[in-house]
Structure formats: C-alpha cells, structure tokens
Amino acid sequence: MTGYPLDRVHQEVAFLGRHVHWTLTEVMALDHAQRRRWVREIADGLTAEEH
C-alpha cells in the first residue's frame, strides 16, 4: 500500500497557505479529502476570476 505523495501534500499546504493564509497546523488538521476539496474550490474560483 502506498501513501499520498509527500510532494503533493507540500503543494497543497503551500497553495492553501498562500491563498487563504491558513497555518500548517490548520491545513494538516484537514483530512486528505477535505484538503483536496478546498484546493479545488479555491483553484476553480481563481480560474473564474481570470475570465
């Protein structure tokens, strides 16, 4: 069984920290699905702002 790639976790933490100013502790308190959902929602919002 393989885990979630550590480099992906780092990217998600950096993205959420940059865009919503959450701390490492706050981001890591989210489970994988929650973290991915927030990343997707924010990224979609950023894309919508560009159009």
PDB file of N, CA and C in Angstrom:
ATOM      1  N   MET A   1       0.844  -1.176   0.000  1.00  0.00           N
ATOM      2  CA  MET A   1       0.000   0.000   0.000  1.00  0.00           C
ATOM      3  C   MET A   1       0.891   1.240   0.000  1.00  0.00           C
ATOM      4  N   THR A   2       0.582   2.175  -0.870  1.00  0.00           N
ATOM      5  CA  THR A   2       1.353   3.408  -0.919  1.00  0.00           C
ATOM      6  C   THR A   2       0.525   4.542  -0.345  1.00  0.00           C
ATOM      7  N   GLY A   3       1.196   5.491   0.255  1.00  0.00           N
ATOM      8  CA  GLY A   3       0.514   6.647   0.839  1.00  0.00           C
ATOM      9  C   GLY A   3       0.382   7.770  -0.173  1.00  0.00           C
ATOM     10  N   TYR A   4      -0.225   8.824   0.280  1.00  0.00           N
ATOM     11  CA  TYR A   4      -0.378  10.007  -0.549  1.00  0.00           C
ATOM     12  C   TYR A   4       1.000  10.640  -0.719  1.00  0.00           C
ATOM     13  N   PRO A   5       1.390  11.020  -1.932  1.00  0.00           N
ATOM     14  CA  PRO A   5       2.744  11.537  -2.164  1.00  0.00           C
ATOM     15  C   PRO A   5       3.038  12.795  -1.328  1.00  0.00           C
ATOM     16  N   LEU A   6       4.158  12.771  -0.638  1.00  0.00           N
ATOM     17  CA  LEU A   6       4.542  13.870   0.230  1.00  0.00           C
ATOM     18  C   LEU A   6       4.695  15.178  -0.536  1.00  0.00           C
ATOM     19  N   ASP A   7       5.211  15.121  -1.770  1.00  0.00           N
ATOM     20  CA  ASP A   7       5.352  16.360  -2.540  1.00  0.00           C
ATOM     21  C   ASP A   7       3.990  16.985  -2.838  1.00  0.00           C
ATOM     22  N   ARG A   8       2.966  16.169  -3.002  1.00  0.00           N
ATOM     23  CA  ARG A   8       1.604  16.677  -3.232  1.00  0.00           C
ATOM     24  C   ARG A   8       1.068  17.353  -1.973  1.00  0.00           C
ATOM     25  N   VAL A   9       1.334  16.766  -0.820  1.00  0.00           N
ATOM     26  CA  VAL A   9       0.916  17.383   0.444  1.00  0.00           C
ATOM     27  C   VAL A   9       1.575  18.752   0.582  1.00  0.00           C
ATOM     28  N   HIS A  10       2.864  18.838   0.276  1.00  0.00           N
ATOM     29  CA  HIS A  10       3.577  20.122   0.357  1.00  0.00           C
ATOM     30  C   HIS A  10       2.945  21.150  -0.583  1.00  0.00           C
ATOM     31  N   GLN A  11       2.585  20.736  -1.782  1.00  0.00           N
ATOM     32  CA  GLN A  11       1.950  21.647  -2.739  1.00  0.00           C
ATOM     33  C   GLN A  11       0.605  22.139  -2.211  1.00  0.00           C
ATOM     34  N   GLU A  12      -0.171  21.252  -1.646  1.00  0.00           N
ATOM     35  CA  GLU A  12      -1.484  21.630  -1.119  1.00  0.00           C
ATOM     36  C   GLU A  12      -1.348  22.585   0.062  1.00  0.00           C
ATOM     37  N   VAL A  13      -0.388  22.301   0.957  1.00  0.00           N
ATOM     38  CA  VAL A  13      -0.156  23.175   2.108  1.00  0.00           C
ATOM     39  C   VAL A  13       0.269  24.560   1.631  1.00  0.00           C
ATOM     40  N   ALA A  14       1.183  24.615   0.681  1.00  0.00           N
ATOM     41  CA  ALA A  14       1.656  25.902   0.163  1.00  0.00           C
ATOM     42  C   ALA A  14       0.524  26.664  -0.517  1.00  0.00           C
ATOM     43  N   PHE A  15      -0.287  25.982  -1.302  1.00  0.00           N
ATOM     44  CA  PHE A  15      -1.389  26.609  -2.013  1.00  0.00           C
ATOM     45  C   PHE A  15      -2.396  27.213  -1.037  1.00  0.00           C
ATOM     46  N   LEU A  16      -2.813  26.431  -0.052  1.00  0.00           N
ATOM     47  CA  LEU A  16      -3.804  26.916   0.909  1.00  0.00           C
ATOM     48  C   LEU A  16      -3.219  28.010   1.800  1.00  0.00           C
ATOM     49  N   GLY A  17      -1.971  27.882   2.166  1.00  0.00           N
ATOM     50  CA  GLY A  17      -1.330  28.924   2.954  1.00  0.00           C
ATOM     51  C   GLY A  17      -1.250  30.230   2.187  1.00  0.00           C
ATOM     52  N   ARG A  18      -0.921  30.144   0.913  1.00  0.00           N
ATOM     53  CA  ARG A  18      -0.776  31.330   0.069  1.00  0.00           C
ATOM     54  C   ARG A  18      -2.113  32.008  -0.186  1.00  0.00           C
ATOM     55  N   HIS A  19      -3.137  31.233  -0.457  1.00  0.00           N
ATOM     56  CA  HIS A  19      -4.402  31.814  -0.903  1.00  0.00           C
ATOM     57  C   HIS A  19      -5.402  32.109   0.211  1.00  0.00           C
ATOM     58  N   VAL A  20      -5.372  31.351   1.296  1.00  0.00           N
ATOM     59  CA  VAL A  20      -6.329  31.613   2.383  1.00  0.00           C
ATOM     60  C   VAL A  20      -5.636  31.859   3.719  1.00  0.00           C
ATOM     61  N   HIS A  21      -4.295  31.880   3.680  1.00  0.00           N
ATOM     62  CA  HIS A  21      -3.492  32.227   4.850  1.00  0.00           C
ATOM     63  C   HIS A  21      -3.718  31.298   6.040  1.00  0.00           C
ATOM     64  N   TRP A  22      -3.970  30.022   5.736  1.00  0.00           N
ATOM     65  CA  TRP A  22      -4.092  29.038   6.799  1.00  0.00           C
ATOM     66  C   TRP A  22      -2.704  28.598   7.221  1.00  0.00           C
ATOM     67  N   THR A  23      -2.559  28.286   8.486  1.00  0.00           N
ATOM     68  CA  THR A  23      -1.277  27.805   9.005  1.00  0.00           C
ATOM     69  C   THR A  23      -1.082  26.335   8.639  1.00  0.00           C
ATOM     70  N   LEU A  24       0.142  25.887   8.803  1.00  0.00           N
ATOM     71  CA  LEU A  24       0.441  24.468   8.575  1.00  0.00           C
ATOM     72  C   LEU A  24      -0.434  23.601   9.469  1.00  0.00           C
ATOM     73  N   THR A  25      -0.589  23.991  10.706  1.00  0.00           N
ATOM     74  CA  THR A  25      -1.408  23.227  11.644  1.00  0.00           C
ATOM     75  C   THR A  25      -2.853  23.146  11.167  1.00  0.00           C
ATOM     76  N   GLU A  26      -3.392  24.255  10.697  1.00  0.00           N
ATOM     77  CA  GLU A  26      -4.778  24.269  10.220  1.00  0.00           C
ATOM     78  C   GLU A  26      -4.952  23.389   8.987  1.00  0.00           C
ATOM     79  N   VAL A  27      -4.025  23.500   8.052  1.00  0.00           N
ATOM     80  CA  VAL A  27      -4.131  22.698   6.825  1.00  0.00           C
ATOM     81  C   VAL A  27      -3.982  21.219   7.135  1.00  0.00           C
ATOM     82  N   MET A  28      -3.031  20.867   7.998  1.00  0.00           N
ATOM     83  CA  MET A  28      -2.790  19.464   8.301  1.00  0.00           C
ATOM     84  C   MET A  28      -3.884  18.864   9.174  1.00  0.00           C
ATOM     85  N   ALA A  29      -4.719  19.703   9.788  1.00  0.00           N
ATOM     86  CA  ALA A  29      -5.851  19.188  10.563  1.00  0.00           C
ATOM     87  C   ALA A  29      -6.954  18.670   9.636  1.00  0.00           C
ATOM     88  N   LEU A  30      -6.914  19.080   8.371  1.00  0.00           N
ATOM     89  CA  LEU A  30      -7.888  18.599   7.390  1.00  0.00           C
ATOM     90  C   LEU A  30      -7.495  17.194   6.955  1.00  0.00           C
ATOM     91  N   ASP A  31      -8.475  16.352   6.681  1.00  0.00           N
ATOM     92  CA  ASP A  31      -8.110  15.064   6.110  1.00  0.00           C
ATOM     93  C   ASP A  31      -7.857  15.256   4.617  1.00  0.00           C
ATOM     94  N   HIS A  32      -7.359  14.219   3.998  1.00  0.00           N
ATOM     95  CA  HIS A  32      -6.967  14.302   2.584  1.00  0.00           C
ATOM     96  C   HIS A  32      -8.106  14.818   1.703  1.00  0.00           C
ATOM     97  N   ALA A  33      -9.283  14.264   1.860  1.00  0.00           N
ATOM     98  CA  ALA A  33     -10.419  14.653   1.011  1.00  0.00           C
ATOM     99  C   ALA A  33     -10.800  16.114   1.228  1.00  0.00           C
ATOM    100  N   GLN A  34     -10.786  16.563   2.475  1.00  0.00           N
ATOM    101  CA  GLN A  34     -11.120  17.961   2.756  1.00  0.00           C
ATOM    102  C   GLN A  34     -10.085  18.900   2.132  1.00  0.00           C
ATOM    103  N   ARG A  35      -8.816  18.544   2.282  1.00  0.00           N
ATOM    104  CA  ARG A  35      -7.745  19.381   1.737  1.00  0.00           C
ATOM    105  C   ARG A  35      -7.856  19.489   0.230  1.00  0.00           C
ATOM    106  N   ARG A  36      -8.092  18.363  -0.434  1.00  0.00           N
ATOM    107  CA  ARG A  36      -8.230  18.369  -1.901  1.00  0.00           C
ATOM    108  C   ARG A  36      -9.442  19.189  -2.320  1.00  0.00           C
ATOM    109  N   ARG A  37     -10.535  19.084  -1.564  1.00  0.00           N
ATOM    110  CA  ARG A  37     -11.753  19.833  -1.888  1.00  0.00           C
ATOM    111  C   ARG A  37     -11.498  21.337  -1.810  1.00  0.00           C
ATOM    112  N   TRP A  38     -10.829  21.791  -0.734  1.00  0.00           N
ATOM    113  CA  TRP A  38     -10.523  23.213  -0.596  1.00  0.00           C
ATOM    114  C   TRP A  38      -9.602  23.692  -1.715  1.00  0.00           C
ATOM    115  N   VAL A  39      -8.602  22.905  -2.047  1.00  0.00           N
ATOM    116  CA  VAL A  39      -7.694  23.277  -3.140  1.00  0.00           C
ATOM    117  C   VAL A  39      -8.487  23.426  -4.441  1.00  0.00           C
ATOM    118  N   ARG A  40      -9.352  22.476  -4.721  1.00  0.00           N
ATOM    119  CA  ARG A  40     -10.150  22.502  -5.954  1.00  0.00           C
ATOM    120  C   ARG A  40     -11.080  23.713  -5.969  1.00  0.00           C
ATOM    121  N   GLU A  41     -11.773  23.971  -4.863  1.00  0.00           N
ATOM    122  CA  GLU A  41     -12.707  25.102  -4.799  1.00  0.00           C
ATOM    123  C   GLU A  41     -11.994  26.432  -5.013  1.00  0.00           C
ATOM    124  N   ILE A  42     -10.868  26.605  -4.362  1.00  0.00           N
ATOM    125  CA  ILE A  42     -10.124  27.864  -4.484  1.00  0.00           C
ATOM    126  C   ILE A  42      -9.548  28.007  -5.880  1.00  0.00           C
ATOM    127  N   ALA A  43      -8.983  26.932  -6.409  1.00  0.00           N
ATOM    128  CA  ALA A  43      -8.428  26.975  -7.762  1.00  0.00           C
ATOM    129  C   ALA A  43      -9.510  27.291  -8.781  1.00  0.00           C
ATOM    130  N   ASP A  44     -10.686  26.708  -8.629  1.00  0.00           N
ATOM    131  CA  ASP A  44     -11.800  26.999  -9.538  1.00  0.00           C
ATOM    132  C   ASP A  44     -12.207  28.466  -9.444  1.00  0.00           C
ATOM    133  N   GLY A  45     -12.212  29.017  -8.233  1.00  0.00           N
ATOM    134  CA  GLY A  45     -12.541  30.417  -8.050  1.00  0.00           C
ATOM    135  C   GLY A  45     -11.517  31.330  -8.690  1.00  0.00           C
ATOM    136  N   LEU A  46     -10.258  30.974  -8.589  1.00  0.00           N
ATOM    137  CA  LEU A  46      -9.213  31.775  -9.210  1.00  0.00           C
ATOM    138  C   LEU A  46      -9.331  31.751 -10.728  1.00  0.00           C
ATOM    139  N   THR A  47      -9.642  30.591 -11.268  1.00  0.00           N
ATOM    140  CA  THR A  47      -9.823  30.451 -12.709  1.00  0.00           C
ATOM    141  C   THR A  47     -11.006  31.284 -13.174  1.00  0.00           C
ATOM    142  N   ALA A  48     -12.091  31.294 -12.414  1.00  0.00           N
ATOM    143  CA  ALA A  48     -13.285  32.068 -12.767  1.00  0.00           C
ATOM    144  C   ALA A  48     -12.976  33.553 -12.763  1.00  0.00           C
ATOM    145  N   GLU A  49     -12.114  34.011 -11.856  1.00  0.00           N
ATOM    146  CA  GLU A  49     -11.754  35.432 -11.783  1.00  0.00           C
ATOM    147  C   GLU A  49     -10.983  35.871 -13.015  1.00  0.00           C
ATOM    148  N   GLU A  50     -10.259  34.958 -13.644  1.00  0.00           N
ATOM    149  CA  GLU A  50      -9.467  35.287 -14.821  1.00  0.00           C
ATOM    150  C   GLU A  50     -10.324  35.496 -16.057  1.00  0.00           C
ATOM    151  N   HIS A  51     -11.548  34.995 -16.060  1.00  0.00           N
ATOM    152  CA  HIS A  51     -12.411  35.100 -17.249  1.00  0.00           C
ATOM    153  C   HIS A  51     -13.399  36.191 -17.138  1.00  0.00           C
TER     154      HIS A  51
END
